[in-house]
Amino acid sequence: MSNRSNPSGSAATLIIVAHPDLETSRINKRLAAELERRGNVTVHRLYETYPDEKIDVAREQELLLTHDRIVLQFPLFWYSSPSLLKKWMDDVFELGFAHGKGGDKLNGKELLIATSSGGAQSMYQAGGFHNYSYSELLRPFQQSANLAGMIYRPHFVVSGIREVSDEQLEKYAADYAAYVEGRLALSRTKD
């Protein structure tokens, strides 16, 4: 995990990177590296931290408590997240912490989703190959944020990853950093 101070004084941001093989990932590896290079966020790699999938819930909850903006970064796997991110949410967003009686610890924090997919953006729409938009597929994350009293922000997507040129990847990385830092507004209607 990379944890650097935030000299700008803006909201502390935690990036939860959930890629089962980040070292071989061209897109997610580059996006995470861009944020580390900028040094104003905490980048937390779930698969590196928990190769045995035994999550330290207290540690993860403390990370969430000390950050105002939470970004879940992952490749879209079977229209959802990789399994460790799902397990992380199941364990960490527990009753009494994220919801239910006394479960107000995440109220007012921002939740942002950054994902990548192999298919082109046009495939993710009504009538497209996958039939549903990214917004529709990411709806469980939005509802989880709602239940936890979090502010759900528009998602950031890199689609058609096999066709992304090096030049395009650099632009995506810069846009991603601007998105995470709150300098790039994304439209909810753009999927």
N, C-alpha and C. Protein backbone atom coordinates (compact mmCIF):
# COMPACT_ATOMS: atom_id res chain seq x y z
N MET A 1 0.85 -1.17 0.00
CA MET A 1 0.00 0.00 0.00
C MET A 1 0.89 1.23 0.00
N SER A 2 0.54 2.17 -0.82
CA SER A 2 1.24 3.44 -0.88
C SER A 2 0.40 4.48 -0.18
N ASN A 3 0.95 5.14 0.82
CA ASN A 3 0.23 6.16 1.54
C ASN A 3 1.10 7.40 1.59
N ARG A 4 0.64 8.44 0.96
CA ARG A 4 1.38 9.68 0.92
C ARG A 4 0.50 10.78 1.46
N SER A 5 1.12 11.78 2.05
CA SER A 5 0.33 12.88 2.58
C SER A 5 -0.30 13.67 1.45
N ASN A 6 -1.32 14.42 1.80
CA ASN A 6 -2.06 15.20 0.82
C ASN A 6 -1.74 16.68 1.04
N PRO A 7 -0.72 17.21 0.36
CA PRO A 7 -0.29 18.58 0.60
C PRO A 7 -1.31 19.62 0.16
N SER A 8 -2.24 19.29 -0.68
CA SER A 8 -3.19 20.28 -1.18
C SER A 8 -4.28 20.60 -0.17
N GLY A 9 -4.43 19.75 0.86
CA GLY A 9 -5.45 19.98 1.86
C GLY A 9 -6.84 19.54 1.42
N SER A 10 -6.96 18.97 0.23
CA SER A 10 -8.25 18.50 -0.25
C SER A 10 -8.60 17.18 0.43
N ALA A 11 -9.78 16.65 0.12
CA ALA A 11 -10.26 15.43 0.74
C ALA A 11 -9.26 14.29 0.56
N ALA A 12 -9.03 13.56 1.65
CA ALA A 12 -8.15 12.40 1.60
C ALA A 12 -8.83 11.31 0.77
N THR A 13 -8.09 10.73 -0.16
CA THR A 13 -8.65 9.76 -1.10
C THR A 13 -7.98 8.41 -0.94
N LEU A 14 -8.79 7.37 -0.88
CA LEU A 14 -8.33 5.99 -0.80
C LEU A 14 -8.74 5.28 -2.08
N ILE A 15 -7.75 4.70 -2.77
CA ILE A 15 -8.01 3.92 -3.97
C ILE A 15 -7.88 2.44 -3.60
N ILE A 16 -8.97 1.72 -3.70
CA ILE A 16 -8.96 0.27 -3.48
C ILE A 16 -8.80 -0.37 -4.85
N VAL A 17 -7.61 -0.88 -5.13
CA VAL A 17 -7.35 -1.51 -6.42
C VAL A 17 -7.58 -3.01 -6.26
N ALA A 18 -8.54 -3.54 -7.00
CA ALA A 18 -8.89 -4.95 -6.91
C ALA A 18 -8.72 -5.61 -8.27
N HIS A 19 -7.49 -5.95 -8.57
CA HIS A 19 -7.18 -6.66 -9.82
C HIS A 19 -6.39 -7.90 -9.43
N PRO A 20 -6.87 -9.09 -9.79
CA PRO A 20 -6.20 -10.32 -9.38
C PRO A 20 -4.79 -10.50 -9.91
N ASP A 21 -4.43 -9.80 -10.97
CA ASP A 21 -3.08 -9.92 -11.53
C ASP A 21 -2.64 -8.54 -12.04
N LEU A 22 -2.49 -7.62 -11.11
CA LEU A 22 -2.20 -6.24 -11.45
C LEU A 22 -0.90 -6.08 -12.24
N GLU A 23 0.08 -6.89 -11.95
CA GLU A 23 1.37 -6.76 -12.64
C GLU A 23 1.28 -7.00 -14.14
N THR A 24 0.33 -7.82 -14.56
CA THR A 24 0.18 -8.07 -16.00
C THR A 24 -0.91 -7.21 -16.63
N SER A 25 -1.55 -6.39 -15.83
CA SER A 25 -2.61 -5.53 -16.34
C SER A 25 -2.02 -4.24 -16.88
N ARG A 26 -2.20 -4.00 -18.13
CA ARG A 26 -1.69 -2.78 -18.75
C ARG A 26 -2.48 -1.56 -18.28
N ILE A 27 -3.80 -1.65 -18.28
CA ILE A 27 -4.67 -0.51 -17.98
C ILE A 27 -4.69 -0.20 -16.49
N ASN A 28 -5.12 -1.14 -15.66
CA ASN A 28 -5.24 -0.88 -14.23
C ASN A 28 -3.90 -0.58 -13.57
N LYS A 29 -2.87 -1.24 -14.02
CA LYS A 29 -1.53 -0.98 -13.48
C LYS A 29 -1.12 0.47 -13.77
N ARG A 30 -1.37 0.93 -14.99
CA ARG A 30 -1.00 2.29 -15.37
C ARG A 30 -1.83 3.33 -14.61
N LEU A 31 -3.13 3.07 -14.46
CA LEU A 31 -3.98 4.01 -13.73
C LEU A 31 -3.53 4.14 -12.28
N ALA A 32 -3.25 3.02 -11.63
CA ALA A 32 -2.79 3.07 -10.24
C ALA A 32 -1.44 3.78 -10.14
N ALA A 33 -0.55 3.50 -11.08
CA ALA A 33 0.77 4.14 -11.07
C ALA A 33 0.67 5.65 -11.22
N GLU A 34 -0.27 6.11 -12.03
CA GLU A 34 -0.45 7.56 -12.20
C GLU A 34 -0.84 8.22 -10.89
N LEU A 35 -1.70 7.57 -10.14
CA LEU A 35 -2.10 8.15 -8.86
C LEU A 35 -0.95 8.13 -7.86
N GLU A 36 -0.19 7.07 -7.84
CA GLU A 36 0.98 7.01 -6.95
C GLU A 36 2.01 8.07 -7.31
N ARG A 37 2.17 8.30 -8.59
CA ARG A 37 3.13 9.30 -9.06
C ARG A 37 2.74 10.69 -8.57
N ARG A 38 1.46 10.94 -8.53
CA ARG A 38 0.96 12.25 -8.09
C ARG A 38 1.08 12.40 -6.58
N GLY A 39 1.03 11.30 -5.86
CA GLY A 39 1.33 11.31 -4.44
C GLY A 39 0.31 11.93 -3.52
N ASN A 40 -0.92 12.13 -3.94
CA ASN A 40 -1.90 12.75 -3.05
C ASN A 40 -3.05 11.81 -2.68
N VAL A 41 -2.81 10.51 -2.81
CA VAL A 41 -3.83 9.51 -2.47
C VAL A 41 -3.16 8.32 -1.79
N THR A 42 -3.98 7.49 -1.18
CA THR A 42 -3.52 6.20 -0.66
C THR A 42 -3.98 5.14 -1.65
N VAL A 43 -3.03 4.40 -2.21
CA VAL A 43 -3.36 3.31 -3.13
C VAL A 43 -3.21 2.00 -2.36
N HIS A 44 -4.29 1.25 -2.30
CA HIS A 44 -4.35 0.02 -1.51
C HIS A 44 -4.70 -1.14 -2.45
N ARG A 45 -3.75 -2.05 -2.65
CA ARG A 45 -3.94 -3.19 -3.55
C ARG A 45 -4.46 -4.40 -2.78
N LEU A 46 -5.72 -4.73 -3.00
CA LEU A 46 -6.34 -5.80 -2.22
C LEU A 46 -5.69 -7.16 -2.44
N TYR A 47 -5.44 -7.52 -3.69
CA TYR A 47 -4.91 -8.86 -3.95
C TYR A 47 -3.47 -9.01 -3.46
N GLU A 48 -2.73 -7.93 -3.41
CA GLU A 48 -1.38 -7.96 -2.86
C GLU A 48 -1.43 -8.04 -1.34
N THR A 49 -2.35 -7.31 -0.73
CA THR A 49 -2.48 -7.27 0.72
C THR A 49 -3.07 -8.56 1.28
N TYR A 50 -4.02 -9.13 0.56
CA TYR A 50 -4.72 -10.32 1.04
C TYR A 50 -4.67 -11.48 0.04
N PRO A 51 -3.48 -12.03 -0.22
CA PRO A 51 -3.40 -13.14 -1.17
C PRO A 51 -4.14 -14.38 -0.68
N ASP A 52 -4.32 -14.47 0.64
CA ASP A 52 -5.06 -15.59 1.23
C ASP A 52 -6.55 -15.26 1.41
N GLU A 53 -6.96 -14.06 1.02
CA GLU A 53 -8.33 -13.56 1.10
C GLU A 53 -8.85 -13.47 2.54
N LYS A 54 -7.94 -13.43 3.53
CA LYS A 54 -8.33 -13.26 4.93
C LYS A 54 -8.20 -11.77 5.25
N ILE A 55 -9.32 -11.10 5.19
CA ILE A 55 -9.36 -9.64 5.30
C ILE A 55 -9.33 -9.19 6.75
N ASP A 56 -8.45 -8.26 7.05
CA ASP A 56 -8.37 -7.63 8.36
C ASP A 56 -9.42 -6.52 8.40
N VAL A 57 -10.60 -6.85 8.86
CA VAL A 57 -11.74 -5.94 8.80
C VAL A 57 -11.46 -4.66 9.58
N ALA A 58 -10.90 -4.75 10.77
CA ALA A 58 -10.62 -3.55 11.58
C ALA A 58 -9.66 -2.62 10.84
N ARG A 59 -8.65 -3.17 10.22
CA ARG A 59 -7.68 -2.35 9.47
C ARG A 59 -8.35 -1.66 8.29
N GLU A 60 -9.19 -2.41 7.57
CA GLU A 60 -9.86 -1.85 6.41
C GLU A 60 -10.87 -0.77 6.82
N GLN A 61 -11.57 -0.99 7.90
CA GLN A 61 -12.51 0.02 8.38
C GLN A 61 -11.77 1.28 8.81
N GLU A 62 -10.63 1.13 9.44
CA GLU A 62 -9.82 2.30 9.83
C GLU A 62 -9.38 3.08 8.59
N LEU A 63 -9.00 2.38 7.53
CA LEU A 63 -8.65 3.07 6.29
C LEU A 63 -9.83 3.88 5.76
N LEU A 64 -11.00 3.29 5.79
CA LEU A 64 -12.18 4.00 5.32
C LEU A 64 -12.49 5.22 6.19
N LEU A 65 -12.32 5.08 7.48
CA LEU A 65 -12.60 6.19 8.40
C LEU A 65 -11.66 7.37 8.20
N THR A 66 -10.45 7.09 7.77
CA THR A 66 -9.45 8.16 7.63
C THR A 66 -9.40 8.78 6.24
N HIS A 67 -10.32 8.41 5.39
CA HIS A 67 -10.40 8.98 4.04
C HIS A 67 -11.82 9.47 3.76
N ASP A 68 -11.91 10.53 3.00
CA ASP A 68 -13.22 11.13 2.69
C ASP A 68 -13.77 10.66 1.35
N ARG A 69 -12.88 10.26 0.47
CA ARG A 69 -13.27 9.82 -0.88
C ARG A 69 -12.71 8.42 -1.08
N ILE A 70 -13.59 7.49 -1.45
CA ILE A 70 -13.21 6.09 -1.66
C ILE A 70 -13.42 5.78 -3.13
N VAL A 71 -12.38 5.25 -3.78
CA VAL A 71 -12.47 4.85 -5.18
C VAL A 71 -12.26 3.35 -5.25
N LEU A 72 -13.20 2.66 -5.86
CA LEU A 72 -13.04 1.23 -6.12
C LEU A 72 -12.61 1.09 -7.57
N GLN A 73 -11.38 0.60 -7.78
CA GLN A 73 -10.83 0.45 -9.12
C GLN A 73 -10.68 -1.04 -9.42
N PHE A 74 -11.30 -1.49 -10.51
CA PHE A 74 -11.27 -2.91 -10.83
C PHE A 74 -11.64 -3.14 -12.29
N PRO A 75 -11.22 -4.29 -12.85
CA PRO A 75 -11.71 -4.67 -14.17
C PRO A 75 -13.10 -5.28 -14.02
N LEU A 76 -13.95 -5.05 -14.99
CA LEU A 76 -15.29 -5.62 -14.97
C LEU A 76 -15.17 -7.12 -15.27
N PHE A 77 -15.56 -7.94 -14.30
CA PHE A 77 -15.53 -9.40 -14.44
C PHE A 77 -16.95 -9.91 -14.41
N TRP A 78 -17.41 -10.53 -15.49
CA TRP A 78 -18.75 -11.10 -15.54
C TRP A 78 -19.78 -10.11 -15.00
N TYR A 79 -19.69 -8.88 -15.48
CA TYR A 79 -20.64 -7.82 -15.17
C TYR A 79 -20.63 -7.39 -13.71
N SER A 80 -19.52 -7.61 -13.06
CA SER A 80 -19.37 -7.24 -11.66
C SER A 80 -17.88 -7.02 -11.36
N SER A 81 -17.55 -7.07 -10.10
CA SER A 81 -16.16 -6.89 -9.68
C SER A 81 -15.48 -8.24 -9.48
N PRO A 82 -14.16 -8.25 -9.41
CA PRO A 82 -13.47 -9.48 -9.03
C PRO A 82 -13.92 -9.93 -7.64
N SER A 83 -13.83 -11.21 -7.38
CA SER A 83 -14.40 -11.80 -6.17
C SER A 83 -13.85 -11.21 -4.87
N LEU A 84 -12.58 -10.86 -4.82
CA LEU A 84 -12.02 -10.34 -3.57
C LEU A 84 -12.63 -8.98 -3.21
N LEU A 85 -12.96 -8.18 -4.18
CA LEU A 85 -13.60 -6.89 -3.88
C LEU A 85 -15.00 -7.14 -3.31
N LYS A 86 -15.72 -8.09 -3.86
CA LYS A 86 -17.04 -8.42 -3.32
C LYS A 86 -16.92 -8.91 -1.89
N LYS A 87 -15.95 -9.78 -1.63
CA LYS A 87 -15.73 -10.28 -0.27
C LYS A 87 -15.34 -9.13 0.65
N TRP A 88 -14.49 -8.24 0.18
CA TRP A 88 -14.07 -7.09 0.97
C TRP A 88 -15.30 -6.26 1.37
N MET A 89 -16.17 -5.99 0.42
CA MET A 89 -17.37 -5.21 0.74
C MET A 89 -18.27 -5.98 1.71
N ASP A 90 -18.46 -7.27 1.48
CA ASP A 90 -19.30 -8.08 2.38
C ASP A 90 -18.77 -8.03 3.81
N ASP A 91 -17.46 -8.13 3.98
CA ASP A 91 -16.85 -8.17 5.31
C ASP A 91 -16.74 -6.78 5.95
N VAL A 92 -16.30 -5.81 5.18
CA VAL A 92 -15.97 -4.49 5.74
C VAL A 92 -17.19 -3.60 5.92
N PHE A 93 -18.14 -3.65 5.02
CA PHE A 93 -19.35 -2.83 5.12
C PHE A 93 -20.37 -3.53 6.01
N GLU A 94 -19.94 -3.97 7.15
CA GLU A 94 -20.79 -4.79 8.01
C GLU A 94 -21.85 -3.97 8.76
N LEU A 95 -22.85 -4.70 9.23
CA LEU A 95 -23.93 -4.14 10.03
C LEU A 95 -23.32 -3.48 11.27
N GLY A 96 -23.76 -2.27 11.55
CA GLY A 96 -23.23 -1.54 12.70
C GLY A 96 -22.05 -0.65 12.33
N PHE A 97 -21.49 -0.86 11.15
CA PHE A 97 -20.41 0.01 10.66
C PHE A 97 -20.91 0.84 9.48
N ALA A 98 -21.38 0.16 8.44
CA ALA A 98 -21.81 0.86 7.22
C ALA A 98 -23.32 0.98 7.08
N HIS A 99 -24.06 0.25 7.87
CA HIS A 99 -25.53 0.30 7.79
C HIS A 99 -26.12 -0.25 9.06
N GLY A 100 -27.43 -0.09 9.20
CA GLY A 100 -28.12 -0.58 10.39
C GLY A 100 -27.88 0.31 11.59
N LYS A 101 -28.31 -0.15 12.76
CA LYS A 101 -28.16 0.61 14.00
C LYS A 101 -26.67 0.90 14.27
N GLY A 102 -26.34 2.16 14.38
CA GLY A 102 -24.95 2.58 14.61
C GLY A 102 -24.09 2.53 13.37
N GLY A 103 -24.66 2.13 12.24
CA GLY A 103 -23.88 1.95 11.01
C GLY A 103 -23.80 3.21 10.17
N ASP A 104 -23.32 4.27 10.76
CA ASP A 104 -23.25 5.56 10.07
C ASP A 104 -21.82 6.02 9.81
N LYS A 105 -20.88 5.11 9.89
CA LYS A 105 -19.46 5.50 9.81
C LYS A 105 -19.03 6.01 8.44
N LEU A 106 -19.77 5.66 7.40
CA LEU A 106 -19.41 6.09 6.05
C LEU A 106 -20.30 7.22 5.53
N ASN A 107 -21.23 7.67 6.35
CA ASN A 107 -22.13 8.74 5.94
C ASN A 107 -21.36 9.96 5.45
N GLY A 108 -21.74 10.44 4.28
CA GLY A 108 -21.14 11.66 3.72
C GLY A 108 -19.85 11.44 2.96
N LYS A 109 -19.28 10.25 3.04
CA LYS A 109 -18.06 9.97 2.26
C LYS A 109 -18.45 9.73 0.80
N GLU A 110 -17.56 10.04 -0.11
CA GLU A 110 -17.83 9.84 -1.53
C GLU A 110 -17.39 8.45 -1.97
N LEU A 111 -18.16 7.84 -2.85
CA LEU A 111 -17.79 6.56 -3.47
C LEU A 111 -17.73 6.76 -4.97
N LEU A 112 -16.58 6.44 -5.54
CA LEU A 112 -16.37 6.54 -6.98
C LEU A 112 -15.97 5.16 -7.49
N ILE A 113 -16.43 4.82 -8.67
CA ILE A 113 -16.10 3.54 -9.30
C ILE A 113 -15.26 3.82 -10.54
N ALA A 114 -14.14 3.13 -10.64
CA ALA A 114 -13.29 3.20 -11.83
C ALA A 114 -13.12 1.77 -12.33
N THR A 115 -13.57 1.53 -13.54
CA THR A 115 -13.52 0.16 -14.04
C THR A 115 -13.03 0.13 -15.48
N SER A 116 -12.65 -1.05 -15.91
CA SER A 116 -12.19 -1.25 -17.28
C SER A 116 -12.90 -2.47 -17.83
N SER A 117 -13.05 -2.49 -19.16
CA SER A 117 -13.70 -3.64 -19.80
C SER A 117 -13.06 -3.90 -21.15
N GLY A 118 -13.14 -5.14 -21.57
CA GLY A 118 -12.59 -5.51 -22.87
C GLY A 118 -13.44 -5.04 -24.03
N GLY A 119 -14.74 -5.01 -23.82
CA GLY A 119 -15.65 -4.61 -24.88
C GLY A 119 -15.67 -3.11 -25.09
N ALA A 120 -15.98 -2.72 -26.32
CA ALA A 120 -16.11 -1.30 -26.65
C ALA A 120 -17.30 -0.71 -25.93
N GLN A 121 -17.27 0.58 -25.71
CA GLN A 121 -18.35 1.27 -25.02
C GLN A 121 -19.70 1.02 -25.69
N SER A 122 -19.72 0.97 -27.01
CA SER A 122 -20.97 0.78 -27.74
C SER A 122 -21.61 -0.59 -27.46
N MET A 123 -20.84 -1.53 -26.93
CA MET A 123 -21.38 -2.84 -26.60
C MET A 123 -22.20 -2.82 -25.31
N TYR A 124 -22.00 -1.76 -24.51
CA TYR A 124 -22.65 -1.64 -23.21
C TYR A 124 -23.80 -0.64 -23.29
N GLN A 125 -24.86 -1.06 -23.95
CA GLN A 125 -26.06 -0.24 -24.08
C GLN A 125 -27.21 -1.13 -24.53
N ALA A 126 -28.42 -0.62 -24.39
CA ALA A 126 -29.58 -1.37 -24.85
C ALA A 126 -29.40 -1.69 -26.33
N GLY A 127 -29.56 -2.95 -26.70
CA GLY A 127 -29.38 -3.38 -28.08
C GLY A 127 -27.94 -3.70 -28.43
N GLY A 128 -27.00 -3.36 -27.56
CA GLY A 128 -25.60 -3.70 -27.78
C GLY A 128 -25.33 -5.14 -27.37
N PHE A 129 -24.15 -5.61 -27.59
CA PHE A 129 -23.80 -7.00 -27.31
C PHE A 129 -24.09 -7.40 -25.87
N HIS A 130 -23.80 -6.48 -24.92
CA HIS A 130 -24.01 -6.79 -23.50
C HIS A 130 -25.35 -6.30 -22.96
N ASN A 131 -26.13 -5.60 -23.77
CA ASN A 131 -27.51 -5.18 -23.47
C ASN A 131 -27.68 -4.12 -22.39
N TYR A 132 -26.75 -3.94 -21.52
CA TYR A 132 -26.90 -3.01 -20.41
C TYR A 132 -25.76 -2.00 -20.39
N SER A 133 -26.06 -0.82 -19.88
CA SER A 133 -25.05 0.23 -19.78
C SER A 133 -24.18 -0.03 -18.55
N TYR A 134 -23.05 0.64 -18.50
CA TYR A 134 -22.20 0.55 -17.31
C TYR A 134 -22.97 0.99 -16.08
N SER A 135 -23.75 2.06 -16.20
CA SER A 135 -24.54 2.54 -15.05
C SER A 135 -25.45 1.44 -14.51
N GLU A 136 -26.09 0.71 -15.41
CA GLU A 136 -26.97 -0.36 -14.97
C GLU A 136 -26.20 -1.49 -14.32
N LEU A 137 -25.07 -1.86 -14.88
CA LEU A 137 -24.27 -2.96 -14.33
C LEU A 137 -23.63 -2.60 -12.99
N LEU A 138 -23.36 -1.33 -12.80
CA LEU A 138 -22.72 -0.87 -11.55
C LEU A 138 -23.75 -0.49 -10.48
N ARG A 139 -25.02 -0.67 -10.76
CA ARG A 139 -26.08 -0.28 -9.84
C ARG A 139 -25.92 -0.87 -8.44
N PRO A 140 -25.47 -2.12 -8.25
CA PRO A 140 -25.28 -2.62 -6.88
C PRO A 140 -24.30 -1.77 -6.05
N PHE A 141 -23.28 -1.21 -6.69
CA PHE A 141 -22.36 -0.34 -5.97
C PHE A 141 -23.06 0.96 -5.57
N GLN A 142 -23.88 1.46 -6.46
CA GLN A 142 -24.63 2.68 -6.17
C GLN A 142 -25.58 2.44 -4.99
N GLN A 143 -26.27 1.32 -4.99
CA GLN A 143 -27.19 1.04 -3.90
C GLN A 143 -26.45 0.78 -2.60
N SER A 144 -25.28 0.16 -2.66
CA SER A 144 -24.46 -0.02 -1.45
C SER A 144 -24.07 1.33 -0.87
N ALA A 145 -23.69 2.26 -1.75
CA ALA A 145 -23.36 3.61 -1.30
C ALA A 145 -24.58 4.26 -0.66
N ASN A 146 -25.74 4.12 -1.29
CA ASN A 146 -26.97 4.69 -0.74
C ASN A 146 -27.26 4.14 0.66
N LEU A 147 -27.16 2.83 0.82
CA LEU A 147 -27.43 2.19 2.10
C LEU A 147 -26.47 2.69 3.17
N ALA A 148 -25.22 2.92 2.79
CA ALA A 148 -24.19 3.37 3.73
C ALA A 148 -24.20 4.89 3.93
N GLY A 149 -25.10 5.60 3.25
CA GLY A 149 -25.16 7.05 3.40
C GLY A 149 -24.04 7.78 2.69
N MET A 150 -23.44 7.11 1.72
CA MET A 150 -22.33 7.70 0.97
C MET A 150 -22.87 8.50 -0.22
N ILE A 151 -22.04 9.35 -0.75
CA ILE A 151 -22.37 10.12 -1.95
C ILE A 151 -21.78 9.38 -3.14
N TYR A 152 -22.64 8.86 -4.00
CA TYR A 152 -22.19 8.09 -5.16
C TYR A 152 -21.90 9.04 -6.31
N ARG A 153 -20.69 9.00 -6.82
CA ARG A 153 -20.27 9.86 -7.91
C ARG A 153 -20.31 9.08 -9.23
N PRO A 154 -20.39 9.78 -10.35
CA PRO A 154 -20.36 9.10 -11.66
C PRO A 154 -19.09 8.25 -11.81
N HIS A 155 -19.24 7.18 -12.57
CA HIS A 155 -18.13 6.23 -12.75
C HIS A 155 -17.15 6.70 -13.82
N PHE A 156 -15.96 6.11 -13.76
CA PHE A 156 -14.91 6.33 -14.75
C PHE A 156 -14.65 4.98 -15.41
N VAL A 157 -14.75 4.93 -16.73
CA VAL A 157 -14.60 3.65 -17.44
C VAL A 157 -13.57 3.77 -18.56
N VAL A 158 -12.71 2.78 -18.65
CA VAL A 158 -11.85 2.61 -19.81
C VAL A 158 -12.37 1.35 -20.50
N SER A 159 -12.97 1.53 -21.66
CA SER A 159 -13.53 0.38 -22.38
C SER A 159 -12.69 0.05 -23.60
N GLY A 160 -12.92 -1.14 -24.13
CA GLY A 160 -12.15 -1.58 -25.30
C GLY A 160 -10.66 -1.63 -25.03
N ILE A 161 -10.29 -2.19 -23.88
CA ILE A 161 -8.90 -2.09 -23.42
C ILE A 161 -7.87 -2.68 -24.39
N ARG A 162 -8.25 -3.64 -25.17
CA ARG A 162 -7.28 -4.25 -26.11
C ARG A 162 -6.93 -3.32 -27.26
N GLU A 163 -7.76 -2.32 -27.49
CA GLU A 163 -7.56 -1.38 -28.59
C GLU A 163 -6.95 -0.05 -28.14
N VAL A 164 -6.72 0.13 -26.85
CA VAL A 164 -6.21 1.40 -26.32
C VAL A 164 -4.72 1.54 -26.67
N SER A 165 -4.40 2.59 -27.39
CA SER A 165 -3.00 2.86 -27.75
C SER A 165 -2.25 3.41 -26.53
N ASP A 166 -0.94 3.41 -26.61
CA ASP A 166 -0.13 3.98 -25.52
C ASP A 166 -0.48 5.44 -25.30
N GLU A 167 -0.68 6.16 -26.38
CA GLU A 167 -1.04 7.58 -26.29
C GLU A 167 -2.40 7.75 -25.60
N GLN A 168 -3.37 6.93 -25.99
CA GLN A 168 -4.69 7.00 -25.36
C GLN A 168 -4.60 6.63 -23.87
N LEU A 169 -3.77 5.66 -23.56
CA LEU A 169 -3.63 5.23 -22.17
C LEU A 169 -3.08 6.38 -21.31
N GLU A 170 -2.15 7.13 -21.85
CA GLU A 170 -1.61 8.27 -21.10
C GLU A 170 -2.70 9.32 -20.86
N LYS A 171 -3.56 9.52 -21.84
CA LYS A 171 -4.68 10.47 -21.67
C LYS A 171 -5.66 9.94 -20.63
N TYR A 172 -5.97 8.65 -20.68
CA TYR A 172 -6.85 8.05 -19.67
C TYR A 172 -6.24 8.22 -18.28
N ALA A 173 -4.94 7.98 -18.14
CA ALA A 173 -4.29 8.10 -16.84
C ALA A 173 -4.40 9.53 -16.30
N ALA A 174 -4.18 10.51 -17.15
CA ALA A 174 -4.30 11.91 -16.73
C ALA A 174 -5.75 12.24 -16.36
N ASP A 175 -6.69 11.77 -17.17
CA ASP A 175 -8.10 12.01 -16.88
C ASP A 175 -8.52 11.31 -15.58
N TYR A 176 -8.00 10.13 -15.36
CA TYR A 176 -8.33 9.38 -14.14
C TYR A 176 -7.84 10.14 -12.91
N ALA A 177 -6.62 10.63 -12.97
CA ALA A 177 -6.09 11.40 -11.84
C ALA A 177 -6.95 12.64 -11.59
N ALA A 178 -7.35 13.32 -12.66
CA ALA A 178 -8.20 14.50 -12.53
C ALA A 178 -9.56 14.12 -11.94
N TYR A 179 -10.08 12.99 -12.35
CA TYR A 179 -11.36 12.48 -11.83
C TYR A 179 -11.25 12.21 -10.33
N VAL A 180 -10.21 11.49 -9.94
CA VAL A 180 -10.01 11.13 -8.53
C VAL A 180 -9.79 12.39 -7.69
N GLU A 181 -9.09 13.35 -8.23
CA GLU A 181 -8.81 14.58 -7.50
C GLU A 181 -9.98 15.56 -7.53
N GLY A 182 -11.06 15.20 -8.23
CA GLY A 182 -12.23 16.05 -8.28
C GLY A 182 -12.13 17.20 -9.27
N ARG A 183 -11.16 17.12 -10.18
CA ARG A 183 -10.98 18.19 -11.17
C ARG A 183 -11.63 17.87 -12.50
N LEU A 184 -12.19 16.67 -12.65
CA LEU A 184 -12.85 16.27 -13.90
C LEU A 184 -14.25 15.80 -13.55
N ALA A 185 -15.23 16.53 -14.01
CA ALA A 185 -16.62 16.16 -13.76
C ALA A 185 -17.08 15.22 -14.87
N LEU A 186 -17.62 14.10 -14.46
CA LEU A 186 -18.14 13.13 -15.43
C LEU A 186 -19.66 13.17 -15.39
N SER A 187 -20.26 13.03 -16.53
CA SER A 187 -21.71 13.04 -16.62
C SER A 187 -22.28 11.68 -16.28
N ARG A 188 -23.33 11.64 -15.50
CA ARG A 188 -23.99 10.38 -15.17
C ARG A 188 -24.62 9.73 -16.40
N THR A 189 -24.91 10.54 -17.40
CA THR A 189 -25.57 9.98 -18.58
C THR A 189 -24.59 9.37 -19.56
N LYS A 190 -23.32 9.63 -19.39
CA LYS A 190 -22.32 9.07 -20.32
C LYS A 190 -21.90 7.69 -19.82
N ASP A 191 -22.16 6.69 -20.61
CA ASP A 191 -21.75 5.33 -20.26
C ASP A 191 -20.71 4.93 -21.26
